[in-house]
Amino acid sequence: MLQKFLYPFFTVCLLATAIQAQPGKKLSNTAKAGSISPLTRQYVSPVKILWKEGQTSNLEQLLKPGISQADLANRNMAILKNDGSGKKASILLDFGKELQGGLEIVTGMWGPKNLPLKIRVRYGESASEAMSDVGGPKGATNDHAIRDFTTVAPWLGRIQLAESGFRFVRIDLEEENAELQLKEVRAIFTYRDIPYIGSFKSSDERLNKIWETGAYTVHLNMQEYLWDGIKRDRLVWVGDLHPEISTVNSVFGYNEVVPKSLDLSRETTPLPGWMNGISTYSMWWIILHYDWYMQNGDLNYLKQQKSYLSGLVKQIVAKVGDDNKEKLDGTRFLDWPSSENPKGIHAGLQAMTVWSLSAASKISTLVGDKETADLCNKTVARMRKYVPDPNGSKQAAALLAITGLMPAEKANKDVLSVGGAANFSTFYGYYMLEAKAKAGDHQGAIDVIRQYWGAMLDLGATTFWEDFNMDWIPNASRIDELVPEGKKDVHGDYGAYCYIGFRHSLCHGWASGPTAWLTEHVLGIKVVEAGCKAIKIEPHLGDLKFVEGTYPTPYGVLKVKHTKLSNGKIKTDVSAPKGVRIIQ
């Protein structure tokens, strides 16, 4: 499944690496002290020369598979040449799909002095970003990962360069009166080599592609830790983790990157701090632990959170006033598009407090902390007496509906369905879909997925973005082309808050919500007993003719297929591993 889905665009050559002790010798203490990376490196050749300028020749050589080795034959070199008679020699490569990693360049022999040559390298998640300048008018940066830099290419050698998230690479020969000979230019794709255990296939190829794209987006962010984005910020943001881990549960099953990232967030946030400085992110940490327990059933791991959880609960409860209203400090944040609606934020924070304390009550009961469970239950009971107005915020309305503070049908009719996909966001869009499902509007949610997340695919996306706005669509260029005259640059011309222009991440794990949502609500797989011991099957096909797929459990792979019959009824076939009880 991994080879079939992950690399359909790539010509690949796998690099096998190992550290082996010589016979009769032992590894040095230094070698023993090192840690082994959980990541695999794969060399990927570009699939297209998207643009060239100046004196260039034989560039098609770069599209061929490489071997990571210079040689003395010096045949079939791609040439970039500057002789002062024209524009600087430059090329733009397209690797066909977003990836996380670095770049390898293998060179030939040039004369007369065998000196290294200065080159400029620019990565881009879009073609236009790779053509941009740091500090330019469209906001290109080197934040978090260096994506625009000058280096030297060795004569008859190999160089491996900086990591970032990218699909496109521009190379400029900076030296005057020089000839650069390129034998190979390949991406060094760095990822966890894990199988896609979960799957989703329906009668709608657009939905299938959206499911796969969400899965791939999260997969790229499963590095040493679970990141938010592979270009920016390359950090563990706990709010971002919730849609990501929901996708991990649906696609990969157990992976050590999840507890490793949750533990890092706890260890780097001594109380009374808020994780990432944001109160809701500490709340997401609680919710995540309950969800992770339901998927994997590891009570011992849950017990390790007991002390920290108890202190965090007391900290949250202290921020609830006698009037039953939240009064949270720290950064008051739901997501970026909601940040200019303080009334909506208040409503969302009220709901988040109820949701997190409800989850904390369940966890505390499981780990034998009755005092903390009672505190959670009493606080939730009185907070439910006050229901703030969402103030038109789809984010807030979604949270109010999910927590039962507002009837889901009312939230859907009055707020969530207004304007269809208008005012959706890639992060909280997941919770808007969840609220629509709770209201029974599964078809409406499916339509929004097609329209909103599908629009990113229509613009050339191979991963989902940090944010997207339906207003960006008119007259927008695709990200896999140089912007035609008269068109809008959908990457460089748009964005707001922390993601203005090219700073905008085009591979952001929090945007993967439709993958988890389609598995749970269309394929109809819902874990109802910890460790997947009991799973409820309740499909909602909407206008689909069939849907089938798989789901990872600790006991093995669950297989489900639903077919809509001519009378409108659904025929369901389930194959469950031993140890999993199916409820229909």
Protein backbone atom coordinates (compact mmCIF):
# COMPACT_ATOMS: atom_id res chain seq x y z
CA MET A 1 0.00 0.00 0.00
CA LEU A 2 2.87 2.36 0.84
CA GLN A 3 4.55 2.00 -2.54
CA LYS A 4 1.22 2.12 -4.38
CA PHE A 5 0.04 5.36 -2.78
CA LEU A 6 3.04 7.27 -1.56
CA TYR A 7 5.23 7.36 -4.62
CA PRO A 8 3.12 7.17 -7.78
CA PHE A 9 4.87 10.19 -9.28
CA PHE A 10 8.42 9.26 -8.40
CA THR A 11 11.20 7.40 -10.10
CA VAL A 12 12.88 5.94 -7.05
CA CYS A 13 16.15 4.49 -5.94
CA LEU A 14 16.30 3.27 -2.33
CA LEU A 15 19.39 3.94 -0.28
CA ALA A 16 20.20 1.14 2.18
CA THR A 17 22.27 2.26 5.13
CA ALA A 18 23.60 0.27 8.05
CA ILE A 19 26.33 0.40 10.66
CA GLN A 20 28.09 -2.95 10.83
CA ALA A 21 30.85 -4.02 13.20
CA GLN A 22 33.88 -5.61 11.56
CA PRO A 23 34.55 -9.24 12.50
CA GLY A 24 36.32 -9.41 15.81
CA LYS A 25 35.74 -5.76 16.59
CA LYS A 26 33.15 -3.91 18.64
CA LEU A 27 31.40 -0.63 17.96
CA SER A 28 33.07 2.30 19.65
CA ASN A 29 31.52 3.88 22.72
CA THR A 30 30.70 6.89 20.56
CA ALA A 31 28.75 4.73 18.13
CA LYS A 32 26.95 2.99 20.98
CA ALA A 33 25.95 6.32 22.47
CA GLY A 34 24.28 7.50 19.27
CA SER A 35 20.59 7.05 18.59
CA ILE A 36 19.19 5.39 15.49
CA SER A 37 16.83 7.54 13.48
CA PRO A 38 13.28 6.21 13.00
CA LEU A 39 13.30 7.80 9.55
CA THR A 40 14.08 6.39 6.12
CA ARG A 41 15.84 8.35 3.37
CA GLN A 42 14.86 7.82 -0.25
CA TYR A 43 16.36 9.54 -3.25
CA VAL A 44 13.80 10.99 -5.66
CA SER A 45 14.49 12.35 -9.14
CA PRO A 46 12.56 15.34 -10.51
CA VAL A 47 9.76 14.61 -12.96
CA LYS A 48 9.83 17.85 -14.93
CA ILE A 49 12.01 20.81 -15.87
CA LEU A 50 9.40 23.46 -15.24
CA TRP A 51 11.46 26.48 -16.32
CA LYS A 52 14.94 27.42 -17.51
CA GLU A 53 16.82 30.60 -18.30
CA GLY A 54 20.22 31.49 -19.71
CA GLN A 55 22.55 28.98 -21.32
CA THR A 56 21.47 25.45 -20.41
CA SER A 57 21.65 22.12 -22.21
CA ASN A 58 20.90 18.41 -21.73
CA LEU A 59 18.64 19.11 -18.75
CA GLU A 60 16.65 15.92 -19.41
CA GLN A 61 19.59 14.07 -17.84
CA LEU A 62 18.35 15.26 -14.44
CA LEU A 63 15.04 13.40 -14.87
CA LYS A 64 16.79 10.03 -15.01
CA PRO A 65 17.39 7.77 -11.98
CA GLY A 66 20.67 8.48 -10.24
CA ILE A 67 23.13 6.46 -8.18
CA SER A 68 24.60 9.16 -5.85
CA GLN A 69 28.06 8.74 -7.34
CA ALA A 70 30.31 10.98 -9.41
CA ASP A 71 32.53 9.24 -12.00
CA LEU A 72 35.42 9.92 -14.32
CA ALA A 73 33.50 9.10 -17.50
CA ASN A 74 31.90 12.56 -17.32
CA ARG A 75 29.20 11.71 -19.86
CA ASN A 76 25.67 13.05 -20.30
CA MET A 77 26.01 16.05 -18.02
CA ALA A 78 23.32 18.71 -17.68
CA ILE A 79 25.02 22.05 -18.28
CA LEU A 80 24.44 25.50 -16.80
CA LYS A 81 26.81 28.07 -18.28
CA ASN A 82 27.50 31.75 -17.69
CA ASP A 83 29.75 33.57 -20.14
CA GLY A 84 28.60 37.12 -19.50
CA SER A 85 26.64 37.33 -22.72
CA GLY A 86 23.16 36.88 -21.32
CA LYS A 87 21.02 36.02 -18.32
CA LYS A 88 22.33 33.90 -15.47
CA ALA A 89 21.87 30.16 -16.08
CA SER A 90 19.00 28.87 -13.94
CA ILE A 91 16.58 25.93 -13.79
CA LEU A 92 13.38 25.10 -11.89
CA LEU A 93 12.74 21.44 -11.06
CA ASP A 94 9.39 19.85 -10.18
CA PHE A 95 9.54 16.69 -8.04
CA GLY A 96 5.87 15.96 -8.69
CA LYS A 97 4.68 15.80 -5.10
CA GLU A 98 5.27 17.61 -1.81
CA LEU A 99 7.98 15.99 0.28
CA GLN A 100 10.08 16.54 3.41
CA GLY A 101 13.81 16.36 3.09
CA GLY A 102 16.90 17.88 1.53
CA LEU A 103 18.69 17.95 -1.81
CA GLU A 104 21.62 16.01 -3.23
CA ILE A 105 23.71 17.32 -6.11
CA VAL A 106 26.27 15.17 -7.95
CA THR A 107 28.66 17.06 -10.25
CA GLY A 108 31.05 16.51 -13.09
CA MET A 109 34.41 17.97 -14.16
CA TRP A 110 34.81 21.55 -15.30
CA GLY A 111 37.95 23.53 -15.96
CA PRO A 112 40.36 24.92 -15.94
CA LYS A 113 41.09 25.12 -12.19
CA ASN A 114 38.81 22.42 -10.73
CA LEU A 115 37.40 24.91 -8.24
CA PRO A 116 34.00 24.66 -6.54
CA LEU A 117 31.29 26.88 -8.01
CA LYS A 118 28.91 29.11 -6.12
CA ILE A 119 25.22 28.30 -6.64
CA ARG A 120 21.98 29.58 -5.20
CA VAL A 121 19.29 27.04 -4.22
CA ARG A 122 15.64 27.85 -3.53
CA TYR A 123 12.98 25.41 -2.36
CA GLY A 124 9.28 26.03 -2.83
CA GLU A 125 6.01 24.38 -1.86
CA SER A 126 4.70 26.16 -4.93
CA ALA A 127 6.47 26.98 -8.16
CA SER A 128 6.13 30.68 -7.44
CA GLU A 129 7.67 30.31 -3.97
CA ALA A 130 10.75 28.66 -5.47
CA MET A 131 11.07 31.69 -7.79
CA SER A 132 10.79 34.23 -4.96
CA ASP A 133 13.31 36.16 -2.87
CA VAL A 134 13.47 36.08 0.93
CA GLY A 135 12.20 39.39 2.27
CA GLY A 136 10.46 40.15 -1.00
CA PRO A 137 7.00 41.69 -1.40
CA LYS A 138 5.19 38.33 -1.08
CA GLY A 139 6.61 37.32 2.26
CA ALA A 140 9.10 34.55 1.43
CA THR A 141 11.16 33.65 4.50
CA ASN A 142 13.80 31.30 5.87
CA ASP A 143 11.82 30.79 9.07
CA HIS A 144 12.33 27.44 10.86
CA ALA A 145 14.01 25.80 7.86
CA ILE A 146 16.43 27.35 5.37
CA ARG A 147 14.84 27.24 1.93
CA ASP A 148 16.80 29.97 0.12
CA PHE A 149 20.58 29.84 0.41
CA THR A 150 23.89 30.16 -1.41
CA THR A 151 26.42 27.34 -1.27
CA VAL A 152 29.22 25.84 -3.34
CA ALA A 153 29.03 22.76 -5.54
CA PRO A 154 32.22 20.65 -5.53
CA TRP A 155 34.14 19.74 -8.65
CA LEU A 156 33.55 16.03 -9.41
CA GLY A 157 31.77 15.36 -6.15
CA ARG A 158 28.57 15.19 -4.17
CA ILE A 159 26.92 17.60 -1.76
CA GLN A 160 23.81 17.15 0.39
CA LEU A 161 21.89 20.26 1.35
CA ALA A 162 19.43 21.66 3.88
CA GLU A 163 16.05 20.11 4.79
CA SER A 164 12.65 21.70 4.40
CA GLY A 165 9.23 20.93 2.98
CA PHE A 166 9.13 21.43 -0.78
CA ARG A 167 8.08 20.21 -4.19
CA PHE A 168 10.02 22.62 -6.40
CA VAL A 169 13.73 23.53 -6.48
CA ARG A 170 15.39 26.38 -8.36
CA ILE A 171 19.15 26.33 -8.96
CA ASP A 172 21.08 29.37 -10.21
CA LEU A 173 24.74 29.37 -11.23
CA GLU A 174 26.12 32.44 -9.46
CA GLU A 175 29.69 32.41 -10.83
CA GLU A 176 30.59 34.55 -13.82
CA ASN A 177 32.32 32.88 -16.77
CA ALA A 178 31.74 29.40 -15.42
CA GLU A 179 30.18 26.10 -16.45
CA LEU A 180 28.35 23.92 -13.92
CA GLN A 181 28.09 20.24 -14.86
CA LEU A 182 25.26 18.41 -13.12
CA LYS A 183 25.14 14.61 -13.22
CA GLU A 184 22.26 14.31 -10.73
CA VAL A 185 19.98 16.55 -8.69
CA ARG A 186 17.75 14.50 -6.41
CA ALA A 187 15.56 15.14 -3.41
CA ILE A 188 16.46 13.26 -0.23
CA PHE A 189 12.97 12.25 0.89
CA THR A 190 12.89 11.65 4.68
CA TYR A 191 9.90 9.80 6.13
CA ARG A 192 8.73 6.98 8.40
CA ASP A 193 8.53 3.81 6.35
CA ILE A 194 5.22 2.58 7.71
CA PRO A 195 2.27 0.92 5.95
CA TYR A 196 -1.05 2.58 5.25
CA ILE A 197 -3.17 0.07 7.17
CA GLY A 198 -6.37 2.11 6.96
CA SER A 199 -7.95 2.77 3.59
CA PHE A 200 -11.00 4.39 2.02
CA LYS A 201 -12.47 3.81 -1.42
CA SER A 202 -15.86 4.98 -2.63
CA SER A 203 -17.77 5.61 -5.85
CA ASP A 204 -16.46 9.21 -5.78
CA GLU A 205 -12.81 9.51 -6.84
CA ARG A 206 -12.66 13.07 -5.56
CA LEU A 207 -13.42 11.93 -2.01
CA ASN A 208 -10.94 9.06 -2.38
CA LYS A 209 -8.21 11.50 -3.36
CA ILE A 210 -9.08 13.82 -0.48
CA TRP A 211 -8.82 10.92 2.00
CA GLU A 212 -5.43 9.92 0.57
CA THR A 213 -4.14 13.50 0.54
CA GLY A 214 -5.03 14.00 4.21
CA ALA A 215 -3.27 10.75 5.09
CA TYR A 216 -0.16 11.75 3.14
CA THR A 217 -0.15 15.22 4.74
CA VAL A 218 0.05 13.70 8.21
CA HIS A 219 2.55 11.05 7.11
CA LEU A 220 5.01 13.75 5.97
CA ASN A 221 4.70 15.41 9.38
CA MET A 222 5.47 12.17 11.26
CA GLN A 223 9.15 12.97 11.62
CA GLU A 224 11.16 12.49 14.84
CA TYR A 225 8.12 14.12 16.43
CA LEU A 226 4.67 14.87 15.05
CA TRP A 227 5.03 18.31 13.46
CA ASP A 228 2.44 20.84 12.39
CA GLY A 229 4.12 21.53 9.05
CA ILE A 230 7.25 20.39 7.22
CA LYS A 231 8.27 23.84 5.97
CA ARG A 232 6.94 25.87 8.90
CA ASP A 233 6.90 25.54 11.86
CA ARG A 234 8.31 21.99 12.18
CA LEU A 235 7.17 22.04 15.83
CA VAL A 236 4.88 20.10 18.14
CA TRP A 237 1.76 22.28 18.43
CA VAL A 238 -0.72 20.41 20.61
CA GLY A 239 -3.88 21.78 18.99
CA ASP A 240 -2.61 20.69 15.60
CA LEU A 241 -2.07 17.22 17.03
CA HIS A 242 -5.76 16.50 17.47
CA PRO A 243 -6.74 16.23 13.78
CA GLU A 244 -3.35 14.65 13.07
CA ILE A 245 -3.69 11.92 15.70
CA SER A 246 -7.28 11.29 14.59
CA THR A 247 -5.80 10.62 11.15
CA VAL A 248 -2.98 8.48 12.59
CA ASN A 249 -5.62 6.35 14.35
CA SER A 250 -7.56 5.94 11.08
CA VAL A 251 -4.61 5.23 8.80
CA PHE A 252 -1.54 3.98 10.65
CA GLY A 253 -2.75 2.69 14.02
CA TYR A 254 -0.27 2.79 16.87
CA ASN A 255 2.91 4.75 16.22
CA GLU A 256 5.44 5.83 18.85
CA VAL A 257 5.54 9.37 17.43
CA VAL A 258 2.23 10.10 19.18
CA PRO A 259 3.10 9.37 22.84
CA LYS A 260 6.57 10.79 22.18
CA SER A 261 5.01 14.11 21.09
CA LEU A 262 2.40 14.17 23.86
CA ASP A 263 5.11 13.53 26.44
CA LEU A 264 7.32 16.27 25.01
CA SER A 265 4.44 18.73 25.34
CA ARG A 266 3.96 17.76 28.99
CA GLU A 267 7.65 17.77 29.85
CA THR A 268 8.27 21.19 28.31
CA THR A 269 5.21 22.76 30.00
CA PRO A 270 5.49 22.70 33.78
CA LEU A 271 2.32 23.91 35.46
CA PRO A 272 0.94 26.53 35.69
CA GLY A 273 1.99 27.01 32.08
CA TRP A 274 -0.26 26.44 29.09
CA MET A 275 1.05 24.19 26.33
CA ASN A 276 2.42 26.35 23.53
CA GLY A 277 1.21 29.30 25.62
CA ILE A 278 -2.41 28.60 24.61
CA SER A 279 -5.06 27.45 27.11
CA THR A 280 -7.01 25.42 24.57
CA TYR A 281 -3.86 23.53 23.60
CA SER A 282 -3.53 22.16 27.12
CA MET A 283 -7.19 21.18 26.80
CA TRP A 284 -6.49 19.38 23.53
CA TRP A 285 -3.76 17.43 25.36
CA ILE A 286 -6.40 16.04 27.72
CA ILE A 287 -8.81 15.16 24.90
CA LEU A 288 -5.99 13.53 22.94
CA HIS A 289 -5.06 11.26 25.81
CA TYR A 290 -8.62 9.99 26.07
CA ASP A 291 -8.86 9.43 22.29
CA TRP A 292 -5.47 7.65 22.25
CA TYR A 293 -6.60 5.40 25.10
CA MET A 294 -9.82 4.51 23.28
CA GLN A 295 -7.83 3.53 20.20
CA ASN A 296 -5.02 1.61 21.91
CA GLY A 297 -6.32 0.69 25.38
CA ASP A 298 -3.03 1.31 27.18
CA LEU A 299 -4.15 2.02 30.75
CA ASN A 300 -0.58 2.03 32.10
CA TYR A 301 0.31 4.91 29.78
CA LEU A 302 -2.83 6.76 30.88
CA LYS A 303 -1.83 6.32 34.53
CA GLN A 304 1.46 8.06 33.81
CA GLN A 305 -0.53 11.26 33.16
CA LYS A 306 -2.39 11.16 36.51
CA SER A 307 -0.36 13.68 38.48
CA TYR A 308 0.00 16.23 35.69
CA LEU A 309 -3.65 15.87 34.70
CA SER A 310 -4.83 16.49 38.27
CA GLY A 311 -2.83 19.71 38.46
CA LEU A 312 -3.97 20.83 35.01
CA VAL A 313 -7.62 20.23 35.91
CA LYS A 314 -7.28 22.40 39.01
CA GLN A 315 -5.66 25.09 36.88
CA ILE A 316 -8.54 25.03 34.36
CA VAL A 317 -11.24 24.98 37.03
CA ALA A 318 -9.65 28.01 38.70
CA LYS A 319 -10.35 29.93 35.47
CA VAL A 320 -14.13 29.35 35.71
CA GLY A 321 -15.95 32.16 37.48
CA ASP A 322 -18.77 31.99 39.97
CA ASP A 323 -21.04 33.03 37.10
CA ASN A 324 -20.13 29.74 35.34
CA LYS A 325 -18.25 31.56 32.56
CA GLU A 326 -14.74 30.71 31.43
CA LYS A 327 -12.14 33.36 32.22
CA LEU A 328 -9.10 31.73 30.68
CA ASP A 329 -5.81 33.54 30.47
CA GLY A 330 -2.87 32.80 28.22
CA THR A 331 -3.43 33.18 24.49
CA ARG A 332 -7.19 32.96 23.85
CA PHE A 333 -7.13 31.03 20.61
CA LEU A 334 -9.32 28.66 18.61
CA ASP A 335 -7.83 29.04 15.13
CA TRP A 336 -6.51 31.96 13.10
CA PRO A 337 -9.64 32.82 11.07
CA SER A 338 -11.69 33.10 14.28
CA SER A 339 -9.15 35.33 16.03
CA GLU A 340 -10.94 38.60 15.21
CA ASN A 341 -14.21 37.46 16.81
CA PRO A 342 -13.72 37.77 20.62
CA LYS A 343 -17.35 36.83 21.36
CA GLY A 344 -16.97 33.73 19.20
CA ILE A 345 -13.70 32.89 20.94
CA HIS A 346 -15.41 33.16 24.33
CA ALA A 347 -18.15 30.78 23.20
CA GLY A 348 -15.56 28.38 21.84
CA LEU A 349 -13.50 28.50 25.03
CA GLN A 350 -16.61 27.79 27.11
CA ALA A 351 -17.24 24.70 25.01
CA MET A 352 -13.57 23.63 25.02
CA THR A 353 -13.52 23.83 28.82
CA VAL A 354 -16.59 21.60 29.03
CA TRP A 355 -15.16 19.13 26.48
CA SER A 356 -11.74 18.86 28.12
CA LEU A 357 -13.08 18.54 31.67
CA SER A 358 -15.53 15.87 30.51
CA ALA A 359 -12.61 13.93 29.02
CA ALA A 360 -10.55 14.56 32.17
CA SER A 361 -13.38 13.10 34.28
CA LYS A 362 -13.33 9.88 32.26
CA ILE A 363 -9.55 9.61 32.48
CA SER A 364 -9.51 10.35 36.21
CA THR A 365 -12.11 7.64 36.82
CA LEU A 366 -10.02 5.15 34.82
CA VAL A 367 -6.84 5.93 36.80
CA GLY A 368 -8.59 5.91 40.18
CA ASP A 369 -8.55 9.64 40.91
CA LYS A 370 -12.09 10.13 42.23
CA GLU A 371 -11.36 13.59 43.66
CA THR A 372 -10.33 15.00 40.27
CA ALA A 373 -13.23 13.27 38.51
CA ASP A 374 -15.70 14.80 40.97
CA LEU A 375 -14.18 18.26 40.49
CA CYS A 376 -14.53 17.91 36.73
CA ASN A 377 -18.14 16.75 36.93
CA LYS A 378 -19.22 19.55 39.28
CA THR A 379 -17.56 22.21 37.14
CA VAL A 380 -19.04 20.88 33.89
CA ALA A 381 -22.51 20.72 35.46
CA ARG A 382 -22.47 24.38 36.41
CA MET A 383 -20.82 25.52 33.16
CA ARG A 384 -23.69 23.96 31.22
CA LYS A 385 -26.00 26.49 32.85
CA TYR A 386 -24.43 29.24 30.75
CA VAL A 387 -24.43 29.00 26.95
CA PRO A 388 -22.82 31.93 25.09
CA ASP A 389 -23.82 33.06 21.62
CA PRO A 390 -21.39 31.82 18.92
CA ASN A 391 -21.68 35.25 17.29
CA GLY A 392 -21.75 33.77 13.79
CA SER A 393 -18.49 31.85 14.29
CA LYS A 394 -18.58 28.44 12.66
CA GLN A 395 -15.71 27.42 14.92
CA ALA A 396 -17.62 28.29 18.08
CA ALA A 397 -20.91 26.85 16.83
CA ALA A 398 -19.16 23.57 16.03
CA LEU A 399 -17.69 23.27 19.53
CA LEU A 400 -21.00 24.20 21.17
CA ALA A 401 -22.74 21.50 19.14
CA ILE A 402 -20.10 18.82 19.82
CA THR A 403 -20.31 19.41 23.58
CA GLY A 404 -24.12 19.54 23.62
CA LEU A 405 -24.23 23.14 24.84
CA MET A 406 -26.19 24.00 21.71
CA PRO A 407 -28.51 21.67 19.78
CA ALA A 408 -26.51 20.40 16.82
CA GLU A 409 -29.44 20.87 14.45
CA LYS A 410 -29.72 24.54 15.44
CA ALA A 411 -25.98 25.12 15.16
CA ASN A 412 -25.99 23.53 11.71
CA LYS A 413 -29.01 25.43 10.42
CA ASP A 414 -28.22 28.85 11.88
CA VAL A 415 -24.43 28.93 11.50
CA LEU A 416 -22.60 25.98 9.99
CA SER A 417 -24.64 25.61 6.80
CA VAL A 418 -24.78 29.32 6.03
CA GLY A 419 -22.85 29.90 2.81
CA GLY A 420 -21.81 26.27 2.44
CA ALA A 421 -18.00 26.12 2.63
CA ALA A 422 -17.70 29.87 3.18
CA ASN A 423 -15.80 30.69 6.40
CA PHE A 424 -14.56 27.15 6.79
CA SER A 425 -10.98 26.70 7.91
CA THR A 426 -8.58 23.82 7.42
CA PHE A 427 -8.08 23.23 11.18
CA TYR A 428 -11.54 23.80 12.66
CA GLY A 429 -13.20 22.58 9.51
CA TYR A 430 -12.80 19.13 11.07
CA TYR A 431 -15.01 20.12 14.01
CA MET A 432 -17.49 21.81 11.71
CA LEU A 433 -17.79 18.49 9.87
CA GLU A 434 -18.17 16.67 13.20
CA ALA A 435 -20.97 19.02 14.25
CA LYS A 436 -22.74 18.59 10.93
CA ALA A 437 -22.58 14.82 11.39
CA LYS A 438 -24.03 15.16 14.89
CA ALA A 439 -26.89 17.17 13.34
CA GLY A 440 -27.49 14.34 10.86
CA ASP A 441 -26.33 16.45 7.91
CA HIS A 442 -23.87 13.94 6.52
CA GLN A 443 -24.63 14.86 2.93
CA GLY A 444 -23.99 18.52 3.66
CA ALA A 445 -20.63 17.61 5.19
CA ILE A 446 -19.70 15.47 2.20
CA ASP A 447 -20.58 18.35 -0.12
CA VAL A 448 -18.35 20.73 1.87
CA ILE A 449 -15.43 18.28 1.77
CA ARG A 450 -15.73 18.06 -1.99
CA GLN A 451 -15.99 21.82 -2.37
CA TYR A 452 -13.48 23.10 0.20
CA TRP A 453 -10.72 20.48 0.41
CA GLY A 454 -11.33 19.51 -3.22
CA ALA A 455 -10.61 23.09 -4.30
CA MET A 456 -7.03 22.74 -3.01
CA LEU A 457 -6.59 19.65 -5.19
CA ASP A 458 -7.96 21.61 -8.15
CA LEU A 459 -5.21 24.16 -7.56
CA GLY A 460 -2.49 21.50 -7.73
CA ALA A 461 -2.17 20.57 -4.05
CA THR A 462 -0.68 17.20 -3.13
CA THR A 463 -0.96 18.01 0.59
CA PHE A 464 -3.47 20.16 2.47
CA TRP A 465 -2.72 23.72 3.50
CA GLU A 466 -2.41 25.71 6.72
CA ASP A 467 -5.47 27.67 5.66
CA PHE A 468 -7.67 28.11 2.63
CA ASN A 469 -10.42 30.53 1.76
CA MET A 470 -13.03 30.01 -0.93
CA ASP A 471 -12.57 33.66 -1.88
CA TRP A 472 -9.10 32.80 -3.20
CA ILE A 473 -10.45 30.63 -6.03
CA PRO A 474 -11.54 33.16 -8.69
CA ASN A 475 -8.79 33.72 -11.28
CA ALA A 476 -6.24 31.83 -9.18
CA SER A 477 -3.29 30.04 -10.76
CA ARG A 478 -2.30 26.50 -9.84
CA ILE A 479 0.64 26.04 -7.48
CA ASP A 480 2.37 23.72 -9.99
CA GLU A 481 2.73 26.36 -12.69
CA LEU A 482 4.41 29.72 -13.04
CA VAL A 483 1.69 32.32 -12.60
CA PRO A 484 0.32 33.31 -16.01
CA GLU A 485 -0.07 37.00 -16.72
CA GLY A 486 -3.38 38.30 -15.37
CA LYS A 487 -3.79 35.43 -12.88
CA LYS A 488 -3.62 35.59 -9.08
CA ASP A 489 -0.80 33.80 -7.28
CA VAL A 490 -2.82 31.68 -4.84
CA HIS A 491 0.27 31.16 -2.66
CA GLY A 492 2.00 34.53 -2.75
CA ASP A 493 -0.99 36.88 -3.01
CA TYR A 494 -3.11 35.54 -0.16
CA GLY A 495 -2.89 34.59 3.51
CA ALA A 496 -3.17 36.46 6.78
CA TYR A 497 -2.09 36.45 10.44
CA CYS A 498 1.06 34.30 10.69
CA TYR A 499 0.81 32.88 7.16
CA ILE A 500 0.97 35.89 4.86
CA GLY A 501 2.06 35.09 1.32
CA PHE A 502 4.80 32.52 0.84
CA ARG A 503 5.18 32.03 4.59
CA HIS A 504 1.91 30.09 4.28
CA SER A 505 2.52 26.37 4.85
CA LEU A 506 1.11 24.18 2.08
CA CYS A 507 1.56 20.97 4.09
CA HIS A 508 -0.10 21.34 7.48
CA GLY A 509 -1.22 18.33 9.48
CA TRP A 510 -4.16 20.10 11.12
CA ALA A 511 -5.85 20.19 7.70
CA SER A 512 -6.24 16.39 7.53
CA GLY A 513 -9.64 16.22 9.25
CA PRO A 514 -11.61 14.81 6.26
CA THR A 515 -9.51 11.63 6.35
CA ALA A 516 -10.56 10.78 9.90
CA TRP A 517 -14.09 12.09 9.29
CA LEU A 518 -14.72 9.99 6.17
CA THR A 519 -13.49 6.87 7.97
CA GLU A 520 -15.71 7.45 11.00
CA HIS A 521 -18.89 8.82 9.43
CA VAL A 522 -19.05 7.54 5.83
CA LEU A 523 -17.25 4.23 6.23
CA GLY A 524 -18.98 4.28 9.62
CA ILE A 525 -16.27 2.98 11.96
CA LYS A 526 -16.55 4.23 15.54
CA VAL A 527 -14.51 2.84 18.43
CA VAL A 528 -16.83 2.49 21.45
CA GLU A 529 -14.73 0.36 23.82
CA ALA A 530 -11.12 1.05 24.78
CA GLY A 531 -8.48 -0.64 22.66
CA CYS A 532 -10.96 -1.19 19.81
CA LYS A 533 -12.50 -4.09 21.72
CA ALA A 534 -15.91 -2.94 20.46
CA ILE A 535 -16.52 -1.00 17.25
CA LYS A 536 -19.84 0.32 16.05
CA ILE A 537 -20.49 0.18 12.30
CA GLU A 538 -22.90 2.89 11.16
CA PRO A 539 -22.34 4.12 7.59
CA HIS A 540 -23.71 7.31 6.05
CA LEU A 541 -23.23 7.07 2.31
CA GLY A 542 -25.19 10.14 1.26
CA ASP A 543 -25.14 10.16 -2.54
CA LEU A 544 -22.41 7.50 -2.79
CA LYS A 545 -23.13 4.15 -4.41
CA PHE A 546 -20.61 2.23 -2.33
CA VAL A 547 -17.78 2.67 0.13
CA GLU A 548 -15.22 0.19 1.36
CA GLY A 549 -12.11 0.36 3.45
CA THR A 550 -9.98 -0.88 6.30
CA TYR A 551 -9.18 0.27 9.82
CA PRO A 552 -6.19 -0.52 12.07
CA THR A 553 -6.91 -2.05 15.48
CA PRO A 554 -4.52 -3.55 18.07
CA TYR A 555 -5.95 -6.97 17.08
CA GLY A 556 -5.47 -6.65 13.33
CA VAL A 557 -7.19 -5.06 10.36
CA LEU A 558 -10.93 -4.45 10.27
CA LYS A 559 -12.46 -4.62 6.78
CA VAL A 560 -15.79 -3.04 5.88
CA LYS A 561 -17.80 -2.67 2.66
CA HIS A 562 -21.16 -0.94 2.19
CA THR A 563 -23.18 -1.16 -1.02
CA LYS A 564 -26.31 0.87 -1.72
CA LEU A 565 -29.03 -1.38 -3.17
CA SER A 566 -31.66 -0.37 -5.70
CA ASN A 567 -34.22 0.11 -2.91
CA GLY A 568 -31.91 2.57 -1.13
CA LYS A 569 -30.98 0.18 1.67
CA ILE A 570 -27.36 -0.47 2.55
CA LYS A 571 -25.81 -3.93 2.37
CA THR A 572 -22.89 -4.19 4.79
CA ASP A 573 -20.10 -6.76 4.83
CA VAL A 574 -17.71 -6.77 7.81
CA SER A 575 -14.61 -8.84 8.46
CA ALA A 576 -13.30 -8.20 11.96
CA PRO A 577 -10.17 -9.60 13.63
CA LYS A 578 -10.58 -11.89 16.60
CA GLY A 579 -10.96 -9.83 19.77
CA VAL A 580 -13.00 -7.05 18.16
CA ARG A 581 -16.73 -7.07 18.84
CA ILE A 582 -18.83 -5.49 16.09
CA ILE A 583 -22.01 -3.55 16.90
CA GLN A 584 -24.45 -2.87 14.04
